[in-house]
Amino acid sequence: MSKIEEKIYSCTCPVLDLRRKPEFSGDLYKQDHLQESQILYGEQVKIIKKSQSWAYIELLQQKKWENDHFVSYRGWALLDYFAPCDLIKEKFVLVKALEIEGNHYSVGCFFDKKQLVGFDSSVFRLFSPLINNDRVCFLQNFLEPFMGTPYHWGGLSSYYAGSRPLTGVDCSGLVHLLYRGMGIEVPRDAHDQYLFCHLIDLKDLAVGDLCFMQPEGKERVDHVMIYLGDGRVMESTMEVNSVRICDLEHRLSVYSGLVFYGRIP
């Protein structure tokens, strides 16, 4: 295993698995505890070290809570799908999936604007934070592509049938991608999203706020849902193995653990 300099690289394929160990993922939707996350086209990383065809990397757009502060997500990914790049001052994020030259690019992929010349401007936007009213409008218009998306452990990509690696989202991956579309970087995992939020009361829930579940006897949040207003939430859940919209009151009536509510700053 050789160490290399911490240069900035960019992901050059539509979606790439991030693994806990340098081992390939399978072809079935199941709990795979080696699956950490996924890396989308245009995400920037630092390569910390390499081993044969694998690279151990830091993801600059995905964070987690560690030792009382947020740090970059780390894991193993295939080395061939990264190229040196400069930090992009002005980047554009896909808010709808896009097909380019036979490749399917997920919501959340990053592009330089010159790469998007000729495409409908409704499928991408400048990566800059939306204010509250605009967040509501965004969620009303860009939820549909995720409906019915398979639940995918460690998934962070909009679904495309037959794709390899597998595509889909877990609960926190859905939240992460929706907020990325709004120009807001939030942590990757549910518990870290909980730590990132300002906690609020149930009565104060507004569109875009998050609802967190913590099982009885556990010390960490393990599920997150996004509030859509009118008592409804959207979630990616193993219960039905897909993304769905459901009634919050009913959802909580059959849950015996702790529930918290939070607002992204």
Protein backbone atom coordinates (compact mmCIF):
# COMPACT_ATOMS: atom_id res chain seq x y z
CA MET A 1 0.00 0.00 0.00
CA SER A 2 1.45 3.35 -1.02
CA LYS A 3 0.65 6.80 0.32
CA ILE A 4 0.12 9.66 -2.10
CA GLU A 5 -0.36 13.39 -1.83
CA GLU A 6 -3.72 14.78 -0.76
CA LYS A 7 -4.65 16.42 -4.07
CA ILE A 8 -8.20 17.26 -5.09
CA TYR A 9 -9.86 14.76 -7.42
CA SER A 10 -13.30 14.57 -8.99
CA CYS A 11 -15.52 11.53 -9.54
CA THR A 12 -15.76 10.86 -13.28
CA CYS A 13 -18.55 8.26 -13.41
CA PRO A 14 -22.28 8.75 -12.72
CA VAL A 15 -22.27 6.84 -9.42
CA LEU A 16 -19.62 4.96 -7.47
CA ASP A 17 -19.88 2.91 -4.29
CA LEU A 18 -17.97 3.94 -1.16
CA ARG A 19 -16.94 0.82 0.74
CA ARG A 20 -15.74 0.17 4.28
CA LYS A 21 -13.24 -2.32 2.86
CA PRO A 22 -11.80 -2.60 -0.67
CA GLU A 23 -14.37 -5.22 -1.67
CA PHE A 24 -17.06 -5.06 -4.36
CA SER A 25 -20.75 -4.73 -3.54
CA GLY A 26 -23.29 -7.32 -4.66
CA ASP A 27 -26.18 -7.20 -7.11
CA LEU A 28 -29.03 -7.44 -4.58
CA TYR A 29 -30.79 -4.79 -2.50
CA LYS A 30 -29.93 -5.92 1.04
CA GLN A 31 -28.26 -4.71 4.21
CA ASP A 32 -24.60 -4.55 3.29
CA HIS A 33 -22.60 -3.29 6.23
CA LEU A 34 -19.56 -2.69 4.03
CA GLN A 35 -21.56 -0.12 2.06
CA GLU A 36 -20.78 3.33 3.49
CA SER A 37 -22.29 5.64 0.88
CA GLN A 38 -22.15 6.48 -2.81
CA ILE A 39 -20.18 9.12 -4.70
CA LEU A 40 -21.83 11.02 -7.53
CA TYR A 41 -20.36 12.54 -10.66
CA GLY A 42 -18.51 15.77 -9.92
CA GLU A 43 -18.12 15.18 -6.18
CA GLN A 44 -14.66 16.17 -5.04
CA VAL A 45 -12.43 13.96 -2.93
CA LYS A 46 -8.95 13.68 -1.50
CA ILE A 47 -7.12 10.43 -2.13
CA ILE A 48 -5.37 9.49 1.09
CA LYS A 49 -3.79 6.23 -0.04
CA LYS A 50 -4.19 3.55 -2.67
CA SER A 51 -4.03 -0.22 -2.77
CA GLN A 52 -3.97 -1.95 -6.15
CA SER A 53 -7.19 -0.85 -7.94
CA TRP A 54 -8.70 0.85 -4.87
CA ALA A 55 -8.30 4.29 -3.31
CA TYR A 56 -8.96 5.29 0.28
CA ILE A 57 -10.60 8.71 0.04
CA GLU A 58 -12.15 11.64 1.87
CA LEU A 59 -15.43 12.96 0.46
CA LEU A 60 -15.50 16.75 0.55
CA GLN A 61 -19.28 16.96 0.06
CA GLN A 62 -20.23 14.32 2.65
CA LYS A 63 -19.62 14.84 6.38
CA LYS A 64 -20.05 12.98 9.65
CA TRP A 65 -19.78 13.88 13.33
CA GLU A 66 -16.58 12.67 14.97
CA ASN A 67 -14.79 13.82 18.14
CA ASP A 68 -17.13 16.80 18.61
CA HIS A 69 -16.83 18.22 15.09
CA PHE A 70 -17.75 17.41 11.51
CA VAL A 71 -15.20 15.60 9.37
CA SER A 72 -15.19 14.24 5.84
CA TYR A 73 -16.63 10.80 5.21
CA ARG A 74 -13.93 8.24 4.38
CA GLY A 75 -13.92 4.91 2.63
CA TRP A 76 -12.68 2.84 -0.29
CA ALA A 77 -13.63 3.36 -3.94
CA LEU A 78 -12.32 2.20 -7.31
CA LEU A 79 -9.27 4.27 -8.23
CA ASP A 80 -9.92 4.44 -11.98
CA TYR A 81 -12.94 6.73 -11.59
CA PHE A 82 -11.16 9.81 -10.24
CA ALA A 83 -9.32 12.54 -12.10
CA PRO A 84 -7.32 15.51 -10.77
CA CYS A 85 -9.30 18.74 -10.70
CA ASP A 86 -9.35 22.25 -9.32
CA LEU A 87 -11.78 23.38 -6.63
CA ILE A 88 -14.79 24.72 -8.52
CA LYS A 89 -15.92 28.15 -7.34
CA GLU A 90 -19.25 28.02 -9.17
CA LYS A 91 -20.79 24.58 -9.54
CA PHE A 92 -24.21 23.45 -10.68
CA VAL A 93 -26.20 20.59 -9.15
CA LEU A 94 -28.72 18.39 -10.94
CA VAL A 95 -32.22 18.60 -9.46
CA LYS A 96 -33.59 16.08 -11.95
CA ALA A 97 -31.88 13.00 -13.34
CA LEU A 98 -30.26 13.58 -16.72
CA GLU A 99 -29.09 11.28 -19.51
CA ILE A 100 -25.98 12.36 -21.39
CA GLU A 101 -24.49 10.22 -24.16
CA GLY A 102 -26.14 7.09 -22.78
CA ASN A 103 -25.07 7.69 -19.17
CA HIS A 104 -27.67 8.30 -16.47
CA TYR A 105 -26.71 11.05 -14.01
CA SER A 106 -28.47 11.21 -10.65
CA VAL A 107 -30.04 14.09 -8.85
CA GLY A 108 -27.17 15.58 -6.83
CA CYS A 109 -24.43 15.25 -9.46
CA PHE A 110 -22.21 18.31 -9.86
CA PHE A 111 -21.32 19.90 -13.20
CA ASP A 112 -19.47 22.89 -14.54
CA LYS A 113 -21.99 25.08 -16.37
CA LYS A 114 -20.26 24.67 -19.72
CA GLN A 115 -21.01 20.94 -19.51
CA LEU A 116 -24.74 21.72 -19.36
CA VAL A 117 -24.99 24.01 -22.39
CA GLY A 118 -28.00 22.97 -24.47
CA PHE A 119 -29.83 21.20 -21.65
CA ASP A 120 -33.13 22.36 -20.16
CA SER A 121 -32.27 24.77 -17.34
CA SER A 122 -35.03 23.27 -15.17
CA VAL A 123 -32.92 20.17 -14.52
CA PHE A 124 -30.07 21.99 -12.76
CA ARG A 125 -29.42 25.01 -10.57
CA LEU A 126 -26.48 26.93 -9.16
CA PHE A 127 -25.36 25.27 -5.94
CA SER A 128 -26.28 28.03 -3.51
CA PRO A 129 -28.56 27.93 -0.44
CA LEU A 130 -32.28 28.48 -0.92
CA ILE A 131 -34.11 30.56 1.69
CA ASN A 132 -37.08 29.09 3.54
CA ASN A 133 -39.89 30.01 1.12
CA ASP A 134 -37.86 28.79 -1.83
CA ARG A 135 -37.16 25.52 -0.02
CA VAL A 136 -40.91 24.91 0.23
CA CYS A 137 -41.34 25.56 -3.49
CA PHE A 138 -38.40 23.29 -4.32
CA LEU A 139 -39.78 20.39 -2.30
CA GLN A 140 -43.19 20.76 -3.91
CA ASN A 141 -41.66 20.48 -7.37
CA PHE A 142 -38.82 18.00 -7.03
CA LEU A 143 -40.11 15.14 -4.85
CA GLU A 144 -41.74 13.13 -7.61
CA PRO A 145 -38.55 11.63 -9.11
CA PHE A 146 -37.87 9.86 -5.80
CA MET A 147 -41.30 8.27 -5.39
CA GLY A 148 -40.98 4.49 -5.55
CA THR A 149 -37.17 4.65 -5.56
CA PRO A 150 -35.82 1.43 -3.97
CA TYR A 151 -34.53 1.55 -0.42
CA HIS A 152 -30.79 0.98 -0.81
CA TRP A 153 -28.56 0.56 2.24
CA GLY A 154 -25.87 3.24 1.89
CA GLY A 155 -27.55 4.51 -1.28
CA LEU A 156 -27.21 8.12 -2.42
CA SER A 157 -28.53 8.11 -5.98
CA SER A 158 -31.77 8.44 -7.91
CA TYR A 159 -32.96 5.13 -9.31
CA TYR A 160 -32.13 3.88 -12.78
CA ALA A 161 -33.28 0.35 -13.67
CA GLY A 162 -30.49 -2.09 -14.42
CA SER A 163 -27.70 0.21 -13.29
CA ARG A 164 -24.50 -1.11 -11.75
CA PRO A 165 -23.66 -0.29 -9.09
CA LEU A 166 -27.18 -0.49 -7.72
CA THR A 167 -28.95 2.84 -7.33
CA GLY A 168 -31.41 4.10 -4.72
CA VAL A 169 -31.41 5.85 -1.37
CA ASP A 170 -31.49 5.05 2.31
CA CYS A 171 -33.37 7.35 4.70
CA SER A 172 -30.56 9.84 5.25
CA GLY A 173 -29.41 9.60 1.64
CA LEU A 174 -32.82 10.87 0.54
CA VAL A 175 -32.60 13.83 2.93
CA HIS A 176 -29.01 14.55 1.91
CA LEU A 177 -29.88 14.63 -1.80
CA LEU A 178 -32.98 16.80 -1.33
CA TYR A 179 -30.98 19.35 0.64
CA ARG A 180 -28.09 19.16 -1.82
CA GLY A 181 -30.61 20.13 -4.49
CA MET A 182 -31.47 23.15 -2.34
CA GLY A 183 -27.79 24.14 -2.21
CA ILE A 184 -27.35 23.13 1.42
CA GLU A 185 -24.70 20.70 2.63
CA VAL A 186 -26.00 18.47 5.42
CA PRO A 187 -24.26 15.46 7.01
CA ARG A 188 -24.58 12.07 5.37
CA ASP A 189 -26.10 9.92 8.13
CA ALA A 190 -29.31 10.21 10.17
CA HIS A 191 -27.68 10.63 13.59
CA ASP A 192 -25.28 13.24 12.26
CA GLN A 193 -28.18 15.08 10.61
CA TYR A 194 -29.86 15.08 14.02
CA LEU A 195 -26.75 16.61 15.62
CA PHE A 196 -26.62 19.23 12.84
CA CYS A 197 -30.23 20.39 13.36
CA HIS A 198 -31.74 22.92 15.73
CA LEU A 199 -34.23 20.88 17.75
CA ILE A 200 -37.85 22.09 17.65
CA ASP A 201 -41.24 21.02 19.01
CA LEU A 202 -43.75 18.96 17.06
CA LYS A 203 -46.15 21.92 16.94
CA ASP A 204 -43.49 24.01 15.16
CA LEU A 205 -42.86 21.57 12.29
CA ALA A 206 -42.67 23.29 8.91
CA VAL A 207 -42.06 22.03 5.39
CA GLY A 208 -38.48 20.77 5.08
CA ASP A 209 -38.01 20.04 8.79
CA LEU A 210 -36.78 16.60 9.82
CA CYS A 211 -38.30 13.92 12.05
CA PHE A 212 -35.87 11.56 13.75
CA MET A 213 -36.42 8.13 15.32
CA GLN A 214 -34.26 6.57 18.02
CA PRO A 215 -35.10 2.96 19.01
CA GLU A 216 -35.73 2.07 22.64
CA GLY A 217 -32.52 1.21 24.45
CA LYS A 218 -30.32 2.71 21.73
CA GLU A 219 -28.16 5.83 22.01
CA ARG A 220 -28.28 6.90 18.37
CA VAL A 221 -30.90 8.05 15.92
CA ASP A 222 -31.25 5.46 13.15
CA HIS A 223 -34.00 6.88 10.94
CA VAL A 224 -34.95 10.25 9.48
CA MET A 225 -37.98 11.54 7.55
CA ILE A 226 -38.60 14.91 5.90
CA TYR A 227 -41.77 16.84 6.70
CA LEU A 228 -43.89 17.92 3.73
CA GLY A 229 -46.66 19.81 5.53
CA ASP A 230 -50.30 18.83 6.15
CA GLY A 231 -49.18 16.07 8.52
CA ARG A 232 -47.24 14.17 5.84
CA VAL A 233 -43.65 12.94 5.75
CA MET A 234 -41.46 11.42 3.07
CA GLU A 235 -39.08 8.60 3.92
CA SER A 236 -37.02 5.82 2.42
CA THR A 237 -37.74 2.79 4.55
CA MET A 238 -36.93 -0.91 4.75
CA GLU A 239 -40.54 -1.45 5.85
CA VAL A 240 -41.69 -1.23 2.22
CA ASN A 241 -38.21 -1.23 0.62
CA SER A 242 -38.84 2.06 -1.17
CA VAL A 243 -39.45 5.79 -0.82
CA ARG A 244 -42.98 6.69 0.23
CA ILE A 245 -45.12 9.53 1.56
CA CYS A 246 -47.18 8.72 4.64
CA ASP A 247 -49.14 10.28 7.49
CA LEU A 248 -46.82 11.30 10.35
CA GLU A 249 -49.35 10.70 13.11
CA HIS A 250 -50.05 7.19 11.87
CA ARG A 251 -46.35 6.50 11.38
CA LEU A 252 -45.60 7.42 14.99
CA SER A 253 -48.62 5.57 16.40
CA VAL A 254 -46.92 2.25 15.70
CA TYR A 255 -43.47 3.34 16.93
CA SER A 256 -42.36 2.89 20.54
CA GLY A 257 -38.96 4.63 20.51
CA LEU A 258 -37.95 8.25 20.96
CA VAL A 259 -38.86 10.86 18.36
CA PHE A 260 -37.13 14.22 17.80
CA TYR A 261 -37.81 17.08 15.43
CA GLY A 262 -35.16 19.31 13.89
CA ARG A 263 -34.65 22.21 11.53
CA ILE A 264 -31.67 22.52 9.18
CA PRO A 265 -29.91 25.87 9.86
